[in-house]
Amino acid sequence: MDLRLFAPPRGRILDRFGAPLALNRQDYRVLLIAEKTEDVSATLPRWAPWSTSLRKITSAF
């Protein structure tokens, strides 16, 4: 497993009238590299409950 740290949120950016131009949103991504994973067929089902995309990938195999 390779863990990477990310920069903290930058804060909201507002225009001169107080309308938001950029907002923070929590966004997490998981990257699975098959060549670096011992058992892909066992790993995907463990992560699938948290991701619609992973459910689609898992059902394709």
PDB file of N, CA and C in Angstrom:
ATOM      1  N   MET A   1       0.842  -1.165   0.000  1.00  0.00           N
ATOM      2  CA  MET A   1       0.000   0.000   0.000  1.00  0.00           C
ATOM      3  C   MET A   1       0.894   1.236   0.000  1.00  0.00           C
ATOM      4  N   ASP A   2       0.547   2.191  -0.829  1.00  0.00           N
ATOM      5  CA  ASP A   2       1.292   3.438  -0.948  1.00  0.00           C
ATOM      6  C   ASP A   2       0.377   4.576  -0.520  1.00  0.00           C
ATOM      7  N   LEU A   3       0.706   5.219   0.585  1.00  0.00           N
ATOM      8  CA  LEU A   3      -0.112   6.326   1.082  1.00  0.00           C
ATOM      9  C   LEU A   3       0.495   7.649   0.648  1.00  0.00           C
ATOM     10  N   ARG A   4      -0.343   8.586   0.258  1.00  0.00           N
ATOM     11  CA  ARG A   4       0.131   9.911  -0.132  1.00  0.00           C
ATOM     12  C   ARG A   4      -0.628  10.979   0.636  1.00  0.00           C
ATOM     13  N   LEU A   5       0.085  11.988   1.049  1.00  0.00           N
ATOM     14  CA  LEU A   5      -0.527  13.092   1.775  1.00  0.00           C
ATOM     15  C   LEU A   5      -0.907  14.202   0.802  1.00  0.00           C
ATOM     16  N   PHE A   6      -1.959  14.912   1.142  1.00  0.00           N
ATOM     17  CA  PHE A   6      -2.448  15.987   0.295  1.00  0.00           C
ATOM     18  C   PHE A   6      -2.436  17.300   1.064  1.00  0.00           C
ATOM     19  N   ALA A   7      -2.311  18.387   0.328  1.00  0.00           N
ATOM     20  CA  ALA A   7      -2.311  19.717   0.940  1.00  0.00           C
ATOM     21  C   ALA A   7      -3.668  20.003   1.580  1.00  0.00           C
ATOM     22  N   PRO A   8      -3.680  20.778   2.658  1.00  0.00           N
ATOM     23  CA  PRO A   8      -4.957  21.120   3.300  1.00  0.00           C
ATOM     24  C   PRO A   8      -5.798  22.022   2.394  1.00  0.00           C
ATOM     25  N   PRO A   9      -7.085  22.125   2.674  1.00  0.00           N
ATOM     26  CA  PRO A   9      -7.960  22.983   1.874  1.00  0.00           C
ATOM     27  C   PRO A   9      -7.467  24.429   1.868  1.00  0.00           C
ATOM     28  N   ARG A  10      -7.680  25.128   0.776  1.00  0.00           N
ATOM     29  CA  ARG A  10      -7.196  26.503   0.633  1.00  0.00           C
ATOM     30  C   ARG A  10      -8.160  27.538   1.186  1.00  0.00           C
ATOM     31  N   GLY A  11      -9.374  27.141   1.474  1.00  0.00           N
ATOM     32  CA  GLY A  11     -10.373  28.102   1.926  1.00  0.00           C
ATOM     33  C   GLY A  11     -11.250  28.559   0.775  1.00  0.00           C
ATOM     34  N   ARG A  12     -12.323  29.237   1.127  1.00  0.00           N
ATOM     35  CA  ARG A  12     -13.252  29.706   0.099  1.00  0.00           C
ATOM     36  C   ARG A  12     -12.688  30.938  -0.595  1.00  0.00           C
ATOM     37  N   ILE A  13     -12.953  31.049  -1.887  1.00  0.00           N
ATOM     38  CA  ILE A  13     -12.569  32.231  -2.652  1.00  0.00           C
ATOM     39  C   ILE A  13     -13.860  32.904  -3.100  1.00  0.00           C
ATOM     40  N   LEU A  14     -14.015  34.167  -2.688  1.00  0.00           N
ATOM     41  CA  LEU A  14     -15.245  34.907  -2.969  1.00  0.00           C
ATOM     42  C   LEU A  14     -14.958  36.095  -3.876  1.00  0.00           C
ATOM     43  N   ASP A  15     -15.955  36.491  -4.654  1.00  0.00           N
ATOM     44  CA  ASP A  15     -15.803  37.714  -5.435  1.00  0.00           C
ATOM     45  C   ASP A  15     -16.078  38.922  -4.539  1.00  0.00           C
ATOM     46  N   ARG A  16     -15.999  40.110  -5.075  1.00  0.00           N
ATOM     47  CA  ARG A  16     -16.148  41.315  -4.245  1.00  0.00           C
ATOM     48  C   ARG A  16     -17.540  41.489  -3.662  1.00  0.00           C
ATOM     49  N   PHE A  17     -18.512  40.732  -4.163  1.00  0.00           N
ATOM     50  CA  PHE A  17     -19.870  40.793  -3.633  1.00  0.00           C
ATOM     51  C   PHE A  17     -20.151  39.665  -2.637  1.00  0.00           C
ATOM     52  N   GLY A  18     -19.155  38.825  -2.403  1.00  0.00           N
ATOM     53  CA  GLY A  18     -19.314  37.728  -1.458  1.00  0.00           C
ATOM     54  C   GLY A  18     -19.837  36.444  -2.073  1.00  0.00           C
ATOM     55  N   ALA A  19     -19.999  36.425  -3.394  1.00  0.00           N
ATOM     56  CA  ALA A  19     -20.452  35.199  -4.069  1.00  0.00           C
ATOM     57  C   ALA A  19     -19.263  34.253  -4.233  1.00  0.00           C
ATOM     58  N   PRO A  20     -19.455  32.959  -3.963  1.00  0.00           N
ATOM     59  CA  PRO A  20     -18.338  32.016  -4.054  1.00  0.00           C
ATOM     60  C   PRO A  20     -17.852  31.814  -5.490  1.00  0.00           C
ATOM     61  N   LEU A  21     -16.539  31.876  -5.658  1.00  0.00           N
ATOM     62  CA  LEU A  21     -15.897  31.561  -6.935  1.00  0.00           C
ATOM     63  C   LEU A  21     -15.294  30.166  -6.888  1.00  0.00           C
ATOM     64  N   ALA A  22     -14.797  29.774  -5.726  1.00  0.00           N
ATOM     65  CA  ALA A  22     -14.219  28.443  -5.538  1.00  0.00           C
ATOM     66  C   ALA A  22     -14.515  27.995  -4.115  1.00  0.00           C
ATOM     67  N   LEU A  23     -14.977  26.782  -3.976  1.00  0.00           N
ATOM     68  CA  LEU A  23     -15.293  26.214  -2.666  1.00  0.00           C
ATOM     69  C   LEU A  23     -14.475  24.953  -2.451  1.00  0.00           C
ATOM     70  N   ASN A  24     -14.287  24.594  -1.204  1.00  0.00           N
ATOM     71  CA  ASN A  24     -13.602  23.346  -0.883  1.00  0.00           C
ATOM     72  C   ASN A  24     -14.594  22.199  -0.909  1.00  0.00           C
ATOM     73  N   ARG A  25     -14.136  21.073  -1.374  1.00  0.00           N
ATOM     74  CA  ARG A  25     -14.957  19.870  -1.390  1.00  0.00           C
ATOM     75  C   ARG A  25     -14.043  18.693  -1.072  1.00  0.00           C
ATOM     76  N   GLN A  26     -14.448  17.871  -0.126  1.00  0.00           N
ATOM     77  CA  GLN A  26     -13.671  16.684   0.194  1.00  0.00           C
ATOM     78  C   GLN A  26     -13.771  15.717  -0.979  1.00  0.00           C
ATOM     79  N   ASP A  27     -12.629  15.245  -1.444  1.00  0.00           N
ATOM     80  CA  ASP A  27     -12.603  14.337  -2.577  1.00  0.00           C
ATOM     81  C   ASP A  27     -11.469  13.345  -2.350  1.00  0.00           C
ATOM     82  N   TYR A  28     -11.798  12.087  -2.312  1.00  0.00           N
ATOM     83  CA  TYR A  28     -10.801  11.050  -2.098  1.00  0.00           C
ATOM     84  C   TYR A  28     -10.778  10.135  -3.305  1.00  0.00           C
ATOM     85  N   ARG A  29      -9.594   9.683  -3.657  1.00  0.00           N
ATOM     86  CA  ARG A  29      -9.453   8.778  -4.791  1.00  0.00           C
ATOM     87  C   ARG A  29      -8.572   7.608  -4.395  1.00  0.00           C
ATOM     88  N   VAL A  30      -8.889   6.479  -4.963  1.00  0.00           N
ATOM     89  CA  VAL A  30      -8.105   5.268  -4.730  1.00  0.00           C
ATOM     90  C   VAL A  30      -7.615   4.783  -6.080  1.00  0.00           C
ATOM     91  N   LEU A  31      -6.350   4.477  -6.157  1.00  0.00           N
ATOM     92  CA  LEU A  31      -5.760   3.964  -7.380  1.00  0.00           C
ATOM     93  C   LEU A  31      -5.244   2.565  -7.096  1.00  0.00           C
ATOM     94  N   LEU A  32      -5.720   1.609  -7.851  1.00  0.00           N
ATOM     95  CA  LEU A  32      -5.284   0.226  -7.694  1.00  0.00           C
ATOM     96  C   LEU A  32      -4.465  -0.142  -8.919  1.00  0.00           C
ATOM     97  N   ILE A  33      -3.233  -0.542  -8.702  1.00  0.00           N
ATOM     98  CA  ILE A  33      -2.364  -0.979  -9.790  1.00  0.00           C
ATOM     99  C   ILE A  33      -2.287  -2.492  -9.705  1.00  0.00           C
ATOM    100  N   ALA A  34      -2.856  -3.151 -10.699  1.00  0.00           N
ATOM    101  CA  ALA A  34      -2.978  -4.616 -10.677  1.00  0.00           C
ATOM    102  C   ALA A  34      -1.628  -5.303 -10.494  1.00  0.00           C
ATOM    103  N   GLU A  35      -0.591  -4.781 -11.148  1.00  0.00           N
ATOM    104  CA  GLU A  35       0.735  -5.404 -11.052  1.00  0.00           C
ATOM    105  C   GLU A  35       1.334  -5.303  -9.650  1.00  0.00           C
ATOM    106  N   LYS A  36       0.854  -4.359  -8.844  1.00  0.00           N
ATOM    107  CA  LYS A  36       1.378  -4.183  -7.488  1.00  0.00           C
ATOM    108  C   LYS A  36       0.431  -4.738  -6.428  1.00  0.00           C
ATOM    109  N   THR A  37      -0.611  -5.421  -6.868  1.00  0.00           N
ATOM    110  CA  THR A  37      -1.607  -5.967  -5.950  1.00  0.00           C
ATOM    111  C   THR A  37      -1.521  -7.484  -5.964  1.00  0.00           C
ATOM    112  N   GLU A  38      -1.393  -8.079  -4.785  1.00  0.00           N
ATOM    113  CA  GLU A  38      -1.260  -9.534  -4.714  1.00  0.00           C
ATOM    114  C   GLU A  38      -2.462 -10.255  -5.298  1.00  0.00           C
ATOM    115  N   ASP A  39      -3.656  -9.855  -4.892  1.00  0.00           N
ATOM    116  CA  ASP A  39      -4.866 -10.548  -5.320  1.00  0.00           C
ATOM    117  C   ASP A  39      -5.950  -9.522  -5.652  1.00  0.00           C
ATOM    118  N   VAL A  40      -6.017  -9.126  -6.920  1.00  0.00           N
ATOM    119  CA  VAL A  40      -6.971  -8.103  -7.353  1.00  0.00           C
ATOM    120  C   VAL A  40      -8.401  -8.549  -7.090  1.00  0.00           C
ATOM    121  N   SER A  41      -8.701  -9.804  -7.361  1.00  0.00           N
ATOM    122  CA  SER A  41     -10.074 -10.295  -7.186  1.00  0.00           C
ATOM    123  C   SER A  41     -10.507 -10.265  -5.724  1.00  0.00           C
ATOM    124  N   ALA A  42      -9.573 -10.309  -4.787  1.00  0.00           N
ATOM    125  CA  ALA A  42      -9.914 -10.214  -3.365  1.00  0.00           C
ATOM    126  C   ALA A  42      -9.925  -8.755  -2.895  1.00  0.00           C
ATOM    127  N   THR A  43      -9.135  -7.907  -3.536  1.00  0.00           N
ATOM    128  CA  THR A  43      -9.024  -6.510  -3.125  1.00  0.00           C
ATOM    129  C   THR A  43     -10.212  -5.673  -3.581  1.00  0.00           C
ATOM    130  N   LEU A  44     -10.656  -5.834  -4.823  1.00  0.00           N
ATOM    131  CA  LEU A  44     -11.766  -5.028  -5.345  1.00  0.00           C
ATOM    132  C   LEU A  44     -13.035  -5.133  -4.508  1.00  0.00           C
ATOM    133  N   PRO A  45     -13.471  -6.321  -4.112  1.00  0.00           N
ATOM    134  CA  PRO A  45     -14.697  -6.389  -3.304  1.00  0.00           C
ATOM    135  C   PRO A  45     -14.586  -5.671  -1.957  1.00  0.00           C
ATOM    136  N   ARG A  46     -13.375  -5.576  -1.409  1.00  0.00           N
ATOM    137  CA  ARG A  46     -13.198  -4.874  -0.133  1.00  0.00           C
ATOM    138  C   ARG A  46     -13.439  -3.381  -0.288  1.00  0.00           C
ATOM    139  N   TRP A  47     -13.129  -2.818  -1.462  1.00  0.00           N
ATOM    140  CA  TRP A  47     -13.291  -1.383  -1.695  1.00  0.00           C
ATOM    141  C   TRP A  47     -14.612  -1.036  -2.365  1.00  0.00           C
ATOM    142  N   ALA A  48     -15.258  -1.984  -2.985  1.00  0.00           N
ATOM    143  CA  ALA A  48     -16.476  -1.736  -3.765  1.00  0.00           C
ATOM    144  C   ALA A  48     -17.607  -1.055  -2.989  1.00  0.00           C
ATOM    145  N   PRO A  49     -17.848  -1.366  -1.722  1.00  0.00           N
ATOM    146  CA  PRO A  49     -18.967  -0.716  -1.029  1.00  0.00           C
ATOM    147  C   PRO A  49     -18.859   0.806  -0.961  1.00  0.00           C
ATOM    148  N   TRP A  50     -17.670   1.356  -1.106  1.00  0.00           N
ATOM    149  CA  TRP A  50     -17.493   2.806  -0.988  1.00  0.00           C
ATOM    150  C   TRP A  50     -17.509   3.530  -2.320  1.00  0.00           C
ATOM    151  N   SER A  51     -17.642   2.821  -3.410  1.00  0.00           N
ATOM    152  CA  SER A  51     -17.536   3.486  -4.704  1.00  0.00           C
ATOM    153  C   SER A  51     -18.475   2.896  -5.735  1.00  0.00           C
ATOM    154  N   THR A  52     -19.252   3.748  -6.364  1.00  0.00           N
ATOM    155  CA  THR A  52     -20.117   3.315  -7.455  1.00  0.00           C
ATOM    156  C   THR A  52     -19.271   2.806  -8.614  1.00  0.00           C
ATOM    157  N   SER A  53     -18.176   3.496  -8.910  1.00  0.00           N
ATOM    158  CA  SER A  53     -17.304   3.081 -10.010  1.00  0.00           C
ATOM    159  C   SER A  53     -16.714   1.706  -9.758  1.00  0.00           C
ATOM    160  N   LEU A  54     -16.284   1.445  -8.503  1.00  0.00           N
ATOM    161  CA  LEU A  54     -15.734   0.129  -8.196  1.00  0.00           C
ATOM    162  C   LEU A  54     -16.788  -0.957  -8.319  1.00  0.00           C
ATOM    163  N   ARG A  55     -18.030  -0.647  -7.969  1.00  0.00           N
ATOM    164  CA  ARG A  55     -19.092  -1.646  -8.137  1.00  0.00           C
ATOM    165  C   ARG A  55     -19.262  -1.982  -9.612  1.00  0.00           C
ATOM    166  N   LYS A  56     -19.158  -0.985 -10.480  1.00  0.00           N
ATOM    167  CA  LYS A  56     -19.266  -1.226 -11.918  1.00  0.00           C
ATOM    168  C   LYS A  56     -18.095  -2.071 -12.414  1.00  0.00           C
ATOM    169  N   ILE A  57     -16.882  -1.759 -11.948  1.00  0.00           N
ATOM    170  CA  ILE A  57     -15.699  -2.517 -12.357  1.00  0.00           C
ATOM    171  C   ILE A  57     -15.799  -3.952 -11.868  1.00  0.00           C
ATOM    172  N   THR A  58     -16.168  -4.129 -10.604  1.00  0.00           N
ATOM    173  CA  THR A  58     -16.268  -5.468 -10.027  1.00  0.00           C
ATOM    174  C   THR A  58     -17.300  -6.307 -10.766  1.00  0.00           C
ATOM    175  N   SER A  59     -18.424  -5.706 -11.114  1.00  0.00           N
ATOM    176  CA  SER A  59     -19.465  -6.473 -11.802  1.00  0.00           C
ATOM    177  C   SER A  59     -19.054  -6.823 -13.226  1.00  0.00           C
ATOM    178  N   ALA A  60     -18.077  -6.118 -13.790  1.00  0.00           N
ATOM    179  CA  ALA A  60     -17.619  -6.405 -15.148  1.00  0.00           C
ATOM    180  C   ALA A  60     -16.721  -7.636 -15.197  1.00  0.00           C
ATOM    181  N   PHE A  61     -16.168  -8.042 -14.060  1.00  0.00           N
ATOM    182  CA  PHE A  61     -15.255  -9.189 -14.045  1.00  0.00           C
ATOM    183  C   PHE A  61     -15.952 -10.414 -13.589  1.00  0.00           C
TER     184      PHE A  61
END
